[in-house]
Protein backbone atom coordinates (compact mmCIF):
# COMPACT_ATOMS: atom_id res chain seq x y z
CA MET A 1 5.78 12.59 -10.31
CA ILE A 2 4.07 9.52 -8.86
CA LEU A 3 0.33 9.89 -8.37
CA THR A 4 -1.38 7.95 -5.59
CA VAL A 5 -5.15 7.58 -5.35
CA CYS A 6 -6.66 7.39 -1.84
CA LEU A 7 -10.21 6.07 -2.12
CA SER A 8 -11.00 5.43 1.53
CA PRO A 9 -9.04 7.66 3.95
CA SER A 10 -9.09 6.90 7.64
CA ILE A 11 -7.97 8.12 11.01
CA ASP A 12 -5.79 5.25 12.19
CA ILE A 13 -5.82 4.85 15.96
CA THR A 14 -2.94 2.60 17.03
CA VAL A 15 -2.99 1.17 20.55
CA GLU A 16 -0.18 -0.85 22.16
CA VAL A 17 -1.20 -3.31 24.89
CA ASP A 18 0.71 -5.95 26.84
CA ALA A 19 -1.73 -8.64 25.70
CA LEU A 20 -5.07 -8.21 23.95
CA GLU A 21 -7.66 -10.27 25.81
CA VAL A 22 -11.14 -10.44 24.31
CA GLY A 23 -13.94 -9.92 26.83
CA LYS A 24 -11.65 -8.32 29.42
CA THR A 25 -10.45 -4.82 30.25
CA ASN A 26 -7.20 -4.02 28.42
CA ILE A 27 -4.83 -1.24 29.49
CA ALA A 28 -3.17 0.79 26.75
CA ARG A 29 0.59 1.27 27.06
CA ARG A 30 0.75 3.73 24.17
CA LYS A 31 -1.83 5.27 21.87
CA ARG A 32 -1.76 7.62 18.93
CA ALA A 33 -4.10 8.76 16.18
CA ARG A 34 -2.95 9.81 12.74
CA PRO A 35 -4.45 10.35 9.30
CA GLY A 36 -4.08 7.19 7.27
CA GLY A 37 -4.99 5.35 4.12
CA LYS A 38 -2.81 3.05 2.03
CA ALA A 39 -2.30 5.45 -0.88
CA LEU A 40 -1.51 8.31 1.50
CA ASN A 41 1.12 6.13 3.20
CA VAL A 42 2.64 5.28 -0.19
CA ALA A 43 2.94 9.00 -1.00
CA LEU A 44 4.65 9.68 2.32
CA GLY A 45 7.11 6.85 1.64
CA ILE A 46 7.92 8.25 -1.81
CA SER A 47 8.49 11.67 -0.29
CA ARG A 48 10.75 10.17 2.39
CA LEU A 49 12.89 8.66 -0.38
CA GLY A 50 13.22 12.05 -2.04
CA GLY A 51 10.63 11.40 -4.75
CA ASP A 52 7.85 13.65 -6.01
CA ALA A 53 4.46 12.33 -4.86
CA PHE A 54 0.97 13.74 -5.37
CA VAL A 55 -2.24 12.45 -3.74
CA THR A 56 -5.78 12.62 -5.00
CA GLY A 57 -8.91 10.69 -4.04
CA PHE A 58 -11.88 11.20 -1.75
CA MET A 59 -11.89 13.31 1.41
CA TYR A 60 -14.59 14.33 3.90
CA ASN A 61 -15.36 17.71 5.40
CA GLN A 62 -15.04 16.46 9.00
CA ASN A 63 -11.43 15.85 10.05
CA GLY A 64 -10.20 16.35 6.48
CA ASP A 65 -7.95 19.19 7.57
CA LEU A 66 -5.79 16.66 9.45
CA PHE A 67 -4.79 15.16 6.10
CA ASP A 68 -3.95 18.56 4.64
CA GLU A 69 -1.68 19.28 7.61
CA LEU A 70 0.15 15.94 7.39
CA LEU A 71 0.73 16.12 3.64
CA GLU A 72 1.85 19.73 3.73
CA LYS A 73 4.24 18.97 6.58
CA ASN A 74 5.83 16.24 4.45
CA GLY A 75 5.93 18.24 1.23
CA VAL A 76 3.34 16.10 -0.59
CA GLY A 77 1.00 17.85 -3.03
CA HIS A 78 -2.68 16.91 -2.93
CA ASP A 79 -6.05 17.67 -4.49
CA PHE A 80 -9.02 15.75 -3.08
CA ILE A 81 -12.64 15.38 -4.14
CA MET A 82 -14.53 16.60 -1.06
CA ASN A 83 -17.59 14.80 0.36
CA GLU A 84 -20.05 15.33 3.18
CA GLY A 85 -19.50 13.32 6.35
CA ARG A 86 -16.76 12.17 8.65
CA VAL A 87 -13.50 10.38 7.92
CA ARG A 88 -13.77 6.80 9.19
CA GLU A 89 -11.71 5.62 12.17
CA ASN A 90 -9.72 2.37 12.19
CA TYR A 91 -8.40 0.79 15.38
CA LYS A 92 -5.15 -1.17 15.35
CA PHE A 93 -4.19 -3.07 18.50
CA ILE A 94 -0.59 -4.29 18.84
CA ASP A 95 0.33 -6.67 21.66
CA HIS A 96 3.73 -7.58 23.14
CA ARG A 97 4.26 -10.24 20.48
CA SER A 98 3.90 -7.56 17.78
CA MET A 99 0.66 -9.22 16.68
CA LEU A 100 -1.71 -6.80 14.95
CA THR A 101 -5.49 -6.90 15.46
CA GLU A 102 -7.53 -4.47 13.38
CA VAL A 103 -11.08 -3.14 13.67
CA ASN A 104 -11.94 -1.11 10.58
CA ASP A 105 -14.75 1.42 10.37
CA VAL A 106 -16.96 1.87 7.30
CA GLY A 107 -16.93 5.37 5.86
CA ALA A 108 -19.65 7.57 4.45
CA GLU A 109 -21.07 7.09 0.96
CA VAL A 110 -19.76 9.01 -2.05
CA PRO A 111 -22.27 10.43 -4.55
CA GLN A 112 -22.12 9.25 -8.18
CA GLU A 113 -21.12 12.70 -9.40
CA ASN A 114 -17.99 12.56 -7.23
CA LEU A 115 -17.09 9.13 -8.59
CA GLU A 116 -17.14 10.69 -12.04
CA LYS A 117 -15.13 13.69 -10.83
CA LEU A 118 -12.37 11.42 -9.53
CA LEU A 119 -12.15 9.56 -12.84
CA ALA A 120 -11.67 12.91 -14.57
CA ARG A 121 -9.10 13.99 -11.96
CA VAL A 122 -7.09 10.78 -12.46
CA ARG A 123 -7.14 11.29 -16.26
CA GLU A 124 -5.82 14.82 -15.80
CA LEU A 125 -3.15 14.14 -13.16
CA SER A 126 -1.86 10.90 -14.68
CA GLU A 127 -1.04 12.80 -17.88
CA LYS A 128 1.86 14.41 -16.01
CA SER A 129 2.77 11.41 -13.84
CA ALA A 130 5.28 8.62 -14.41
CA ALA A 131 3.20 6.15 -12.38
CA THR A 132 -0.21 5.93 -10.72
CA VAL A 133 -0.65 3.86 -7.55
CA ILE A 134 -4.21 2.88 -6.58
CA SER A 135 -4.47 1.04 -3.29
CA GLY A 136 -6.74 0.27 -0.38
CA GLY A 137 -10.47 -0.06 0.05
CA LEU A 138 -13.45 1.63 -1.56
CA PRO A 139 -16.10 3.92 -0.07
CA ARG A 140 -19.31 2.34 1.17
CA GLY A 141 -21.54 1.12 -1.65
CA VAL A 142 -18.98 1.46 -4.45
CA ASP A 143 -18.61 -1.65 -6.59
CA ALA A 144 -15.19 -3.26 -7.01
CA ASP A 145 -15.43 -2.63 -10.77
CA TYR A 146 -14.68 1.03 -10.01
CA TYR A 147 -11.05 -0.04 -9.53
CA GLY A 148 -10.98 -1.11 -13.15
CA GLU A 149 -12.56 2.17 -14.26
CA LEU A 150 -9.86 4.10 -12.45
CA PHE A 151 -7.03 2.13 -14.02
CA ARG A 152 -8.58 2.52 -17.47
CA ALA A 153 -8.69 6.28 -16.82
CA VAL A 154 -4.90 6.40 -16.30
CA ALA A 155 -3.12 8.08 -19.20
CA PRO A 156 -1.26 5.91 -21.74
CA GLY A 157 2.43 5.68 -20.90
CA CYS A 158 1.83 6.11 -17.16
CA LEU A 159 2.72 3.00 -15.15
CA ARG A 160 -0.18 1.39 -13.27
CA ILE A 161 0.42 -0.09 -9.80
CA ALA A 162 -2.24 -1.80 -7.67
CA ASP A 163 -2.31 -2.87 -4.04
CA ALA A 164 -5.76 -4.33 -3.57
CA THR A 165 -7.63 -7.48 -2.59
CA GLY A 166 -10.52 -9.62 -3.79
CA GLY A 167 -12.79 -8.12 -6.39
CA LYS A 168 -10.75 -4.91 -6.48
CA LEU A 169 -7.63 -6.85 -7.45
CA GLU A 170 -9.60 -8.79 -10.03
CA ALA A 171 -10.89 -5.55 -11.59
CA ALA A 172 -7.37 -4.08 -11.62
CA LEU A 173 -5.95 -7.16 -13.34
CA ALA A 174 -8.71 -7.08 -15.95
CA ALA A 175 -7.81 -3.45 -16.73
CA GLY A 176 -4.11 -4.34 -16.99
CA VAL A 177 -1.47 -3.23 -14.49
CA ASP A 178 2.31 -2.99 -14.46
CA MET A 179 2.71 -4.21 -10.86
CA VAL A 180 0.58 -5.66 -8.08
CA LYS A 181 1.69 -6.20 -4.48
CA PRO A 182 -0.27 -8.78 -2.52
CA ASN A 183 0.90 -10.21 0.77
CA LEU A 184 0.80 -13.96 1.30
CA ASP A 185 -2.63 -14.03 3.02
CA GLU A 186 -4.13 -11.83 0.31
CA LEU A 187 -2.69 -13.99 -2.45
CA GLN A 188 -3.98 -17.20 -0.82
CA ASN A 189 -7.45 -15.72 -0.43
CA PHE A 190 -7.49 -14.49 -4.02
CA ILE A 191 -6.25 -17.77 -5.51
CA GLY A 192 -8.45 -19.82 -3.20
CA ARG A 193 -5.85 -22.25 -1.92
CA GLU A 194 -3.13 -22.50 0.71
CA LEU A 195 0.39 -21.76 -0.50
CA THR A 196 2.70 -23.89 1.60
CA CYS A 197 6.00 -23.66 -0.25
CA ARG A 198 7.90 -21.29 -2.50
CA GLN A 199 6.87 -23.17 -5.65
CA ASP A 200 3.20 -22.77 -4.69
CA MET A 201 3.77 -19.03 -4.24
CA LEU A 202 5.50 -18.71 -7.59
CA ASP A 203 2.72 -20.61 -9.34
CA ALA A 204 0.15 -18.27 -7.76
CA CYS A 205 2.16 -15.21 -8.81
CA ARG A 206 2.33 -16.55 -12.37
CA GLU A 207 -1.44 -16.84 -12.31
CA LEU A 208 -1.69 -13.11 -11.55
CA VAL A 209 0.68 -12.43 -14.45
CA ARG A 210 -1.53 -14.50 -16.77
CA ARG A 211 -4.53 -12.49 -15.59
CA GLY A 212 -3.09 -9.07 -16.35
CA ALA A 213 -0.11 -8.09 -14.15
CA LYS A 214 3.29 -7.51 -15.74
CA ILE A 215 5.11 -7.88 -12.39
CA VAL A 216 4.02 -9.37 -9.07
CA LEU A 217 5.69 -8.23 -5.85
CA LEU A 218 4.74 -10.70 -3.13
CA SER A 219 5.29 -9.52 0.44
CA LEU A 220 6.27 -12.28 2.86
CA GLY A 221 6.45 -10.08 5.95
CA LYS A 222 9.50 -10.75 8.10
CA GLU A 223 10.62 -13.39 5.56
CA GLY A 224 11.15 -10.74 2.85
CA GLY A 225 9.60 -10.83 -0.61
CA ILE A 226 9.40 -12.40 -4.05
CA LEU A 227 9.30 -10.57 -7.38
CA THR A 228 8.45 -12.18 -10.69
CA ASN A 229 7.25 -11.33 -14.18
CA GLY A 230 6.45 -14.98 -14.92
CA GLU A 231 9.64 -15.53 -16.87
CA GLU A 232 12.17 -14.86 -14.11
CA GLY A 233 11.82 -14.66 -10.36
CA TYR A 234 13.81 -13.33 -7.41
CA TYR A 235 13.76 -13.74 -3.65
CA CYS A 236 15.07 -11.30 -1.05
CA ARG A 237 15.29 -12.36 2.57
CA SER A 238 14.59 -9.60 5.06
CA THR A 239 17.02 -8.72 7.82
CA SER A 240 16.17 -9.12 11.50
CA VAL A 241 15.06 -5.87 13.16
CA ALA A 242 13.20 -4.84 16.30
CA VAL A 243 9.51 -4.66 15.35
CA ASN A 244 7.61 -1.71 16.83
CA SER A 245 4.66 -1.66 14.42
CA THR A 246 3.73 -3.41 11.18
CA VAL A 247 1.33 -0.61 10.22
CA GLY A 248 2.22 0.80 6.80
CA ALA A 249 4.97 -1.72 6.05
CA GLY A 250 3.30 -2.92 2.86
CA ASP A 251 2.68 0.65 1.75
CA SER A 252 6.36 1.49 2.27
CA MET A 253 7.25 -1.53 0.18
CA VAL A 254 5.04 -0.23 -2.64
CA ALA A 255 6.56 3.26 -2.38
CA ALA A 256 10.16 2.11 -2.81
CA ALA A 257 9.33 -0.46 -5.49
CA ALA A 258 7.30 2.12 -7.44
CA MET A 259 10.21 4.54 -7.48
CA LYS A 260 12.57 1.84 -8.78
CA LEU A 261 10.02 0.79 -11.39
CA VAL A 262 9.78 4.38 -12.63
CA GLU A 263 13.59 4.52 -12.78
CA LYS A 264 13.51 1.38 -14.98
CA ALA A 265 15.71 -0.38 -12.45
CA PRO A 266 16.37 -4.12 -12.92
CA MET A 267 14.04 -6.49 -11.10
CA PRO A 268 16.50 -7.38 -8.31
CA GLU A 269 16.83 -3.68 -7.41
CA ILE A 270 13.06 -3.23 -7.33
CA LEU A 271 12.74 -6.16 -4.92
CA ARG A 272 15.71 -5.06 -2.81
CA ALA A 273 14.33 -1.54 -2.40
CA GLY A 274 10.83 -2.75 -1.60
CA THR A 275 12.08 -5.23 0.99
CA ALA A 276 14.34 -2.62 2.61
CA ALA A 277 11.53 -0.07 2.88
CA GLY A 278 9.03 -2.57 4.28
CA THR A 279 11.58 -3.74 6.84
CA ALA A 280 12.54 -0.19 7.83
CA ALA A 281 8.88 0.71 8.33
CA VAL A 282 8.35 -1.84 11.11
CA THR A 283 11.07 -0.26 13.25
CA THR A 284 8.93 2.82 14.02
CA PHE A 285 5.85 3.30 16.18
CA ARG A 286 5.10 6.98 15.79
CA GLU A 287 5.65 7.29 12.04
CA VAL A 288 4.34 5.20 9.18
CA ALA A 289 6.93 6.52 6.73
CA PHE A 290 10.22 4.74 7.34
CA PRO A 291 13.40 6.52 8.57
CA LEU A 292 15.60 7.17 5.52
CA GLU A 293 18.80 6.31 7.39
CA LYS A 294 17.35 2.96 8.46
CA TYR A 295 16.21 2.24 4.92
CA ARG A 296 19.71 2.88 3.55
CA GLU A 297 21.31 0.72 6.24
CA ILE A 298 18.98 -2.21 5.53
CA PHE A 299 19.21 -1.78 1.74
CA ASP A 300 23.00 -2.04 1.84
CA GLY A 301 22.82 -5.30 3.76
CA LEU A 302 20.27 -7.14 1.63
CA GLN A 303 21.02 -9.72 -1.04
CA VAL A 304 18.69 -10.80 -3.83
CA LYS A 305 18.77 -14.36 -5.15
CA ARG A 306 17.44 -15.45 -8.52
CA ILE A 307 15.15 -18.44 -8.01
CA PHE A 308 14.27 -19.25 -11.63
């Protein structure tokens, strides 16, 4: 089983427009609302690949039933720590160039006793899990150090995977993780410098390894991805596909890579699977989890190159 921890669930409202013009009236071509959250998306991706996923984390008593329905429909087990309040709503605007503009809401606060309850829940569930994935934001008012507390609560022998930014990533690295998955913008912001070439990217990834990550999976969007443990590195170029939505692509990448990591697959296979899943995810508008047939088709056509 792979455990995913959803700390800040959301209702993701995705709107397609011809062109997003600030200060003017924009007409929606398509719109849909769905329960979201990075860790929830990872669990759905694992389930789509035939894996056994389980979700825990924080949930709220308003709109929380939407998450129960989605997870049950996809055969994903779950056990949330319930809180008073309403699930936050995030707006994602996609224009004709497939450019994504996001407006994220801030959720309700979580009481200290529930923070402690989740730590205990992670200790318990990770005991019977092969890997624990902690990704996404934190509830309002919760310090980034809580990420480190959660990873330290994971049972020994259970792989630790983080998809986080800023102080949350720093806390995860300090606790020690088996894999992190930044995208290029996130890595540049964390390192504090522009990464203009592949060597710059590799140097930045090695810095994350020195700070506590065993493996770094760097998402390069439509360009593919890089995977390194500091001693060897690989590059996989993505294939060209029609892009309908980039929402959840990074989470799909984490899902497939996590499954390969659990299987003790070689590094090129981890990268190949992650790149295939992330690429397959952008072909859909109505579903975040990628179509399995599309994933297999893309996976078969990808090649991984060792770069050092």
